[in-house]
Amino acid sequence: MSEVFRILHPQRQTSAVVFASPHSGRAYSPAFLQQTVLSAAMIRSSEDAFVDQLFADAPRFGAPLILADVPRAFLDLNRAPDELDPAVIAGAARGGHNPRIASGLGVIPRVVAGGRPIYHGKLTLTEAEDRIRDYWHPYHRALRQVIDDTHARFGEAVLIDCHSMPHEAIDGHCRPGQPRPEVVLGDRFGASADRAVTERVEAAFASAGLRVARNTPFAGAFITQSYGRPSARRHVIQVEIDRSLYMDEATITPRPDFEDFRALITGVVAELTREPQQMAAE
C-alpha cells in the first residue's frame, strides 16, 4: 500500500480556508484485505465514503484540499500516534483509560463500525510503528505545511476537517420533538476556533438549508485539538455530515440525487472561501 494522500492545490490560493478529508481514503491493498477477517464491503463501514467528492470543488474557489488515500480501517489519521491499543497490538504499553482505545478506535483501529473486529489475533508492535511512520507522519507533515503556508500568506488559517456520520449517530442526543441535526460542527467548545469563525461556518451550512448543531455528539478529535490555536489565528472546525443525505449506508453507494447534494455542498464551500481574510474579524 503506497497511497497516503493527495493535495489538490488551486491555480492560485485566494482563501485562508483549507479543506481536508482524513477518513475518505479507499486504497485497500490486497495484502490488507487478506489480513482482515472482514469482507471487502464490510471493511469500508468506517470510511467517510464520498466526502472527498462532496468537497472536490474547493480548489476551484482558491482553497487547498487534502485527501487521505490510506483507509481509516488501516490507520486513523484523526488519532494521536501514541494511541496504541494493546488489545490489537502485541507489546503496546497499557496506559490510563482512553475512551477511543477502549472502544477499539485507536490509531490502529481494532474494529470498524458496529464494533466488528478487523483482525483475528494481534498485529506486532513493529507493524504498527511501520504504519505510523509510513502513513501517519507524512500526512500530518503535509497538513501542517499547508496550514503554515496559508497562515504565512493570509495572517490566519481556517482548517475545515471534513467527515461524515452514520444517520443513527445522533440517536440519543436529541430531545423528543427536536429536529435531528444534519451537520454537527466540532470546535471543542470554542477551544479550536474563534467563535466568529464557527458562527460563519454554521451560517454557511444553515443558509444551504441544513440543520446544524455544535459539539454534540462530536466536538472534534486529534486534528482539532492539535491544530486549533485561535489565539494564533489558526482555527480548526470538524464538520460531520449525515451520510443518509447523500448515500445508501447499507450498500455504500451514492444516492440517485448525489450530484444535487454535492452542488449544495459546493455552494457552502463557495461561501466559506469568500472574503478570505475576514472570517475572524467579523
Protein backbone atom coordinates (compact mmCIF):
# COMPACT_ATOMS: atom_id res chain seq x y z
CA MET A 1 0.00 0.00 0.00
CA SER A 2 1.79 3.12 -1.21
CA GLU A 3 -1.04 5.65 -1.36
CA VAL A 4 -1.08 8.05 1.58
CA PHE A 5 -2.67 11.32 0.49
CA ARG A 6 -3.15 13.85 -2.29
CA ILE A 7 -3.11 17.64 -2.12
CA LEU A 8 -5.26 19.39 -4.70
CA HIS A 9 -3.88 22.90 -4.98
CA PRO A 10 -5.79 25.77 -6.56
CA GLN A 11 -4.18 27.51 -9.51
CA ARG A 12 -3.82 30.47 -7.16
CA GLN A 13 -4.65 30.28 -3.47
CA THR A 14 -7.01 33.15 -2.68
CA SER A 15 -8.52 31.79 0.53
CA ALA A 16 -7.30 31.33 4.07
CA VAL A 17 -9.55 28.28 4.28
CA VAL A 18 -8.06 24.79 3.91
CA PHE A 19 -10.22 21.70 3.45
CA ALA A 20 -9.17 18.18 4.44
CA SER A 21 -10.79 14.75 4.39
CA PRO A 22 -8.74 12.31 6.52
CA HIS A 23 -11.26 9.44 6.54
CA SER A 24 -12.40 9.09 2.92
CA GLY A 25 -9.40 7.02 1.79
CA ARG A 26 -10.22 3.80 -0.02
CA ALA A 27 -6.84 2.48 -1.20
CA TYR A 28 -7.31 -1.00 0.28
CA SER A 29 -4.27 -3.06 -0.64
CA PRO A 30 -4.63 -6.77 -1.44
CA ALA A 31 -2.31 -7.51 1.50
CA PHE A 32 -4.57 -5.66 3.94
CA LEU A 33 -7.70 -7.29 2.55
CA GLN A 34 -6.07 -10.68 3.06
CA GLN A 35 -5.08 -9.70 6.59
CA THR A 36 -8.56 -8.68 7.73
CA VAL A 37 -11.36 -11.09 8.62
CA LEU A 38 -13.90 -8.69 7.13
CA SER A 39 -15.22 -8.68 3.58
CA ALA A 40 -14.13 -6.03 1.10
CA ALA A 41 -17.50 -4.34 1.60
CA MET A 42 -17.65 -4.58 5.39
CA ILE A 43 -14.17 -3.14 5.87
CA ARG A 44 -15.49 0.11 4.34
CA SER A 45 -18.15 0.70 7.03
CA SER A 46 -15.96 3.15 8.98
CA GLU A 47 -14.95 5.05 5.85
CA ASP A 48 -16.24 8.58 5.23
CA ALA A 49 -17.25 7.44 1.78
CA PHE A 50 -17.64 10.13 -0.91
CA VAL A 51 -16.75 13.04 1.41
CA ASP A 52 -13.77 13.70 -0.86
CA GLN A 53 -16.19 14.09 -3.77
CA LEU A 54 -18.51 16.40 -1.83
CA PHE A 55 -15.69 18.91 -1.29
CA ALA A 56 -13.86 18.27 -4.56
CA ASP A 57 -14.51 21.76 -5.95
CA ALA A 58 -12.64 23.56 -3.14
CA PRO A 59 -9.57 24.28 -5.34
CA ARG A 60 -11.88 25.98 -7.86
CA PHE A 61 -12.60 28.55 -5.15
CA GLY A 62 -8.95 29.16 -4.31
CA ALA A 63 -8.65 26.73 -1.39
CA PRO A 64 -6.32 23.73 -0.99
CA LEU A 65 -7.91 20.30 -0.46
CA ILE A 66 -6.03 17.46 1.27
CA LEU A 67 -7.41 13.99 0.69
CA ALA A 68 -6.23 10.88 2.51
CA ASP A 69 -5.94 7.75 0.39
CA VAL A 70 -4.97 5.45 3.24
CA PRO A 71 -8.16 3.86 4.67
CA ARG A 72 -9.30 4.62 8.18
CA ALA A 73 -9.60 0.90 8.97
CA PHE A 74 -5.86 0.54 8.25
CA LEU A 75 -4.74 3.70 10.11
CA ASP A 76 -6.74 6.52 11.67
CA LEU A 77 -5.23 9.90 10.84
CA ASN A 78 -7.51 11.61 13.36
CA ARG A 79 -5.86 9.92 16.33
CA ALA A 80 -2.62 10.64 18.15
CA PRO A 81 0.27 8.43 17.05
CA ASP A 82 0.67 7.07 20.58
CA GLU A 83 -2.97 5.93 20.88
CA LEU A 84 -1.93 2.29 20.58
CA ASP A 85 -4.45 -0.39 21.55
CA PRO A 86 -2.84 -3.31 23.40
CA ALA A 87 -5.90 -5.42 22.57
CA VAL A 88 -4.86 -5.43 18.90
CA ILE A 89 -1.12 -4.59 19.05
CA ALA A 90 1.10 -7.11 20.80
CA GLY A 91 3.59 -5.35 23.04
CA ALA A 92 1.78 -1.99 23.14
CA ALA A 93 2.06 -0.42 26.58
CA ARG A 94 -1.08 -0.09 28.66
CA GLY A 95 -1.74 3.49 29.70
CA GLY A 96 -4.52 5.25 31.54
CA HIS A 97 -8.10 4.93 30.41
CA ASN A 98 -8.62 6.28 26.89
CA PRO A 99 -12.20 6.01 25.62
CA ARG A 100 -11.11 5.83 21.97
CA ILE A 101 -8.71 2.97 22.62
CA ALA A 102 -11.24 1.25 24.89
CA SER A 103 -13.80 1.29 22.09
CA GLY A 104 -11.29 -0.16 19.62
CA LEU A 105 -10.72 3.11 17.76
CA GLY A 106 -7.09 3.93 18.40
CA VAL A 107 -4.60 4.99 15.75
CA ILE A 108 -4.58 1.37 14.52
CA PRO A 109 -8.28 0.52 14.80
CA ARG A 110 -9.34 -2.81 16.25
CA VAL A 111 -12.91 -2.59 14.97
CA VAL A 112 -14.99 -0.94 12.26
CA ALA A 113 -18.50 0.48 12.64
CA GLY A 114 -20.76 -1.63 14.79
CA GLY A 115 -17.84 -2.97 16.82
CA ARG A 116 -16.91 -5.64 14.23
CA PRO A 117 -13.30 -6.85 14.69
CA ILE A 118 -10.92 -6.16 11.82
CA TYR A 119 -8.38 -8.87 12.65
CA HIS A 120 -8.19 -12.35 14.04
CA GLY A 121 -5.40 -12.04 16.59
CA LYS A 122 -2.95 -9.19 17.06
CA LEU A 123 -0.53 -7.16 15.00
CA THR A 124 3.10 -6.81 16.01
CA LEU A 125 4.30 -3.57 17.52
CA THR A 126 6.77 -3.27 14.64
CA GLU A 127 3.98 -3.39 12.08
CA ALA A 128 2.03 -0.73 13.96
CA GLU A 129 5.09 1.51 14.16
CA ASP A 130 5.78 1.00 10.45
CA ARG A 131 2.25 2.14 9.57
CA ILE A 132 2.59 5.24 11.73
CA ARG A 133 5.98 6.09 10.19
CA ASP A 134 4.92 5.47 6.58
CA TYR A 135 1.38 6.89 6.63
CA TRP A 136 0.55 8.96 9.72
CA HIS A 137 3.64 11.15 9.79
CA PRO A 138 3.69 12.01 6.05
CA TYR A 139 0.03 13.08 6.12
CA HIS A 140 0.47 15.29 9.17
CA ARG A 141 3.68 16.84 7.87
CA ALA A 142 1.84 17.80 4.71
CA LEU A 143 -1.22 19.08 6.58
CA ARG A 144 0.88 21.21 8.89
CA GLN A 145 2.85 22.61 5.95
CA VAL A 146 -0.31 23.67 4.11
CA ILE A 147 -1.66 25.31 7.28
CA ASP A 148 1.67 27.06 7.92
CA ASP A 149 1.89 28.31 4.34
CA THR A 150 -1.70 29.57 4.44
CA HIS A 151 -1.15 31.32 7.76
CA ALA A 152 2.02 32.97 6.45
CA ARG A 153 0.18 34.22 3.36
CA PHE A 154 -3.06 35.45 4.90
CA GLY A 155 -2.24 36.05 8.55
CA GLU A 156 -4.64 33.29 9.54
CA ALA A 157 -5.65 29.77 8.55
CA VAL A 158 -9.02 28.06 8.88
CA LEU A 159 -9.00 24.27 8.54
CA ILE A 160 -12.32 22.64 7.72
CA ASP A 161 -11.84 18.99 8.71
CA CYS A 162 -14.47 17.13 6.69
CA HIS A 163 -16.18 13.98 7.95
CA SER A 164 -19.43 12.07 7.74
CA MET A 165 -21.52 10.43 10.45
CA PRO A 166 -23.90 7.47 10.39
CA HIS A 167 -27.52 8.57 10.41
CA GLU A 168 -28.13 6.87 13.76
CA ALA A 169 -25.15 8.65 15.38
CA ILE A 170 -27.47 11.38 16.61
CA ASP A 171 -29.87 8.90 18.25
CA GLY A 172 -29.91 9.54 21.98
CA HIS A 173 -28.65 13.10 21.60
CA CYS A 174 -31.89 14.75 20.51
CA ARG A 175 -34.69 15.79 22.79
CA PRO A 176 -38.15 14.42 21.97
CA GLY A 177 -39.67 16.51 19.20
CA GLN A 178 -36.38 18.26 18.46
CA PRO A 179 -35.36 18.25 14.77
CA ARG A 180 -32.43 15.94 14.07
CA PRO A 181 -29.22 17.80 13.12
CA GLU A 182 -27.88 17.06 9.66
CA VAL A 183 -24.49 18.66 10.25
CA VAL A 184 -22.51 18.72 13.50
CA LEU A 185 -19.70 21.24 13.87
CA GLY A 186 -16.97 20.48 16.38
CA ASP A 187 -14.75 23.27 17.71
CA ARG A 188 -14.05 21.65 21.07
CA PHE A 189 -16.46 24.10 22.69
CA GLY A 190 -14.51 27.10 21.41
CA ALA A 191 -11.01 25.77 22.09
CA SER A 192 -10.10 25.09 18.46
CA ALA A 193 -11.72 28.05 16.66
CA ASP A 194 -12.75 31.60 17.35
CA ARG A 195 -16.49 31.94 17.93
CA ALA A 196 -16.89 34.24 14.92
CA VAL A 197 -15.30 31.62 12.67
CA THR A 198 -17.58 28.89 13.94
CA GLU A 199 -20.60 31.13 13.54
CA ARG A 200 -19.69 31.85 9.93
CA VAL A 201 -19.27 28.14 9.17
CA GLU A 202 -22.59 27.39 10.84
CA ALA A 203 -24.29 30.16 8.87
CA ALA A 204 -22.94 28.79 5.57
CA PHE A 205 -24.42 25.35 6.18
CA ALA A 206 -27.66 26.77 7.59
CA SER A 207 -28.09 29.05 4.56
CA ALA A 208 -27.88 25.92 2.40
CA GLY A 209 -30.93 24.60 4.24
CA LEU A 210 -29.14 22.19 6.57
CA ARG A 211 -29.90 21.82 10.27
CA VAL A 212 -26.70 22.44 12.22
CA ALA A 213 -25.66 21.56 15.78
CA ARG A 214 -22.42 22.18 17.63
CA ASN A 215 -20.17 19.81 19.56
CA THR A 216 -22.78 17.15 20.38
CA PRO A 217 -22.09 14.34 19.91
CA PHE A 218 -18.88 15.23 18.04
CA ALA A 219 -16.72 18.02 19.47
CA GLY A 220 -13.60 17.20 17.46
CA ALA A 221 -10.75 14.74 17.89
CA PHE A 222 -6.98 14.79 17.44
CA ILE A 223 -6.84 17.17 14.47
CA THR A 224 -8.99 19.88 16.04
CA GLN A 225 -7.18 19.53 19.35
CA SER A 226 -3.70 19.62 17.83
CA TYR A 227 -4.02 22.23 15.10
CA GLY A 228 -6.59 24.62 16.52
CA ARG A 229 -4.96 27.68 18.10
CA PRO A 230 -7.47 30.54 17.89
CA SER A 231 -5.21 32.96 19.75
CA ALA A 232 -2.64 32.48 16.96
CA ARG A 233 -5.35 32.82 14.28
CA ARG A 234 -5.20 29.12 13.49
CA HIS A 235 -8.75 27.79 13.55
CA VAL A 236 -9.99 24.23 13.09
CA ILE A 237 -13.60 23.11 12.79
CA GLN A 238 -14.60 19.49 12.37
CA VAL A 239 -17.63 19.02 10.11
CA GLU A 240 -19.76 15.86 10.37
CA ILE A 241 -22.42 15.40 7.67
CA ASP A 242 -25.24 12.86 7.94
CA ARG A 243 -24.39 10.13 5.43
CA SER A 244 -28.01 9.36 4.69
CA LEU A 245 -28.29 12.73 2.93
CA TYR A 246 -26.19 11.56 0.00
CA MET A 247 -25.54 7.81 0.18
CA ASP A 248 -27.09 4.44 0.89
CA GLU A 249 -25.27 3.44 4.07
CA ALA A 250 -26.02 -0.28 3.67
CA THR A 251 -24.51 -0.60 0.20
CA ILE A 252 -22.04 2.33 0.40
CA THR A 253 -23.30 3.74 -2.88
CA PRO A 254 -24.26 7.32 -3.76
CA ARG A 255 -27.95 8.21 -3.72
CA PRO A 256 -29.55 8.99 -7.11
CA ASP A 257 -29.60 12.67 -6.11
CA PHE A 258 -25.94 12.67 -5.02
CA GLU A 259 -24.97 15.35 -7.53
CA ASP A 260 -27.67 17.65 -6.19
CA PHE A 261 -26.30 17.34 -2.68
CA ARG A 262 -22.75 17.77 -3.94
CA ALA A 263 -23.83 21.01 -5.61
CA LEU A 264 -25.31 22.15 -2.31
CA ILE A 265 -22.01 21.49 -0.50
CA THR A 266 -20.15 23.27 -3.31
CA GLY A 267 -22.28 26.30 -2.51
CA VAL A 268 -21.22 26.05 1.12
CA VAL A 269 -17.57 25.88 0.03
CA ALA A 270 -18.06 28.95 -2.17
CA GLU A 271 -19.48 30.87 0.78
CA LEU A 272 -16.72 29.82 3.17
CA THR A 273 -13.96 30.86 0.76
CA ARG A 274 -15.44 34.30 0.12
CA GLU A 275 -13.55 37.26 1.65
CA PRO A 276 -10.77 35.03 2.97
CA GLN A 277 -9.16 37.35 5.49
CA GLN A 278 -12.29 38.49 7.27
CA MET A 279 -13.55 35.29 8.92
CA ALA A 280 -12.17 36.01 12.36
CA ALA A 281 -12.66 39.73 12.12
CA GLU A 282 -16.41 39.76 11.54
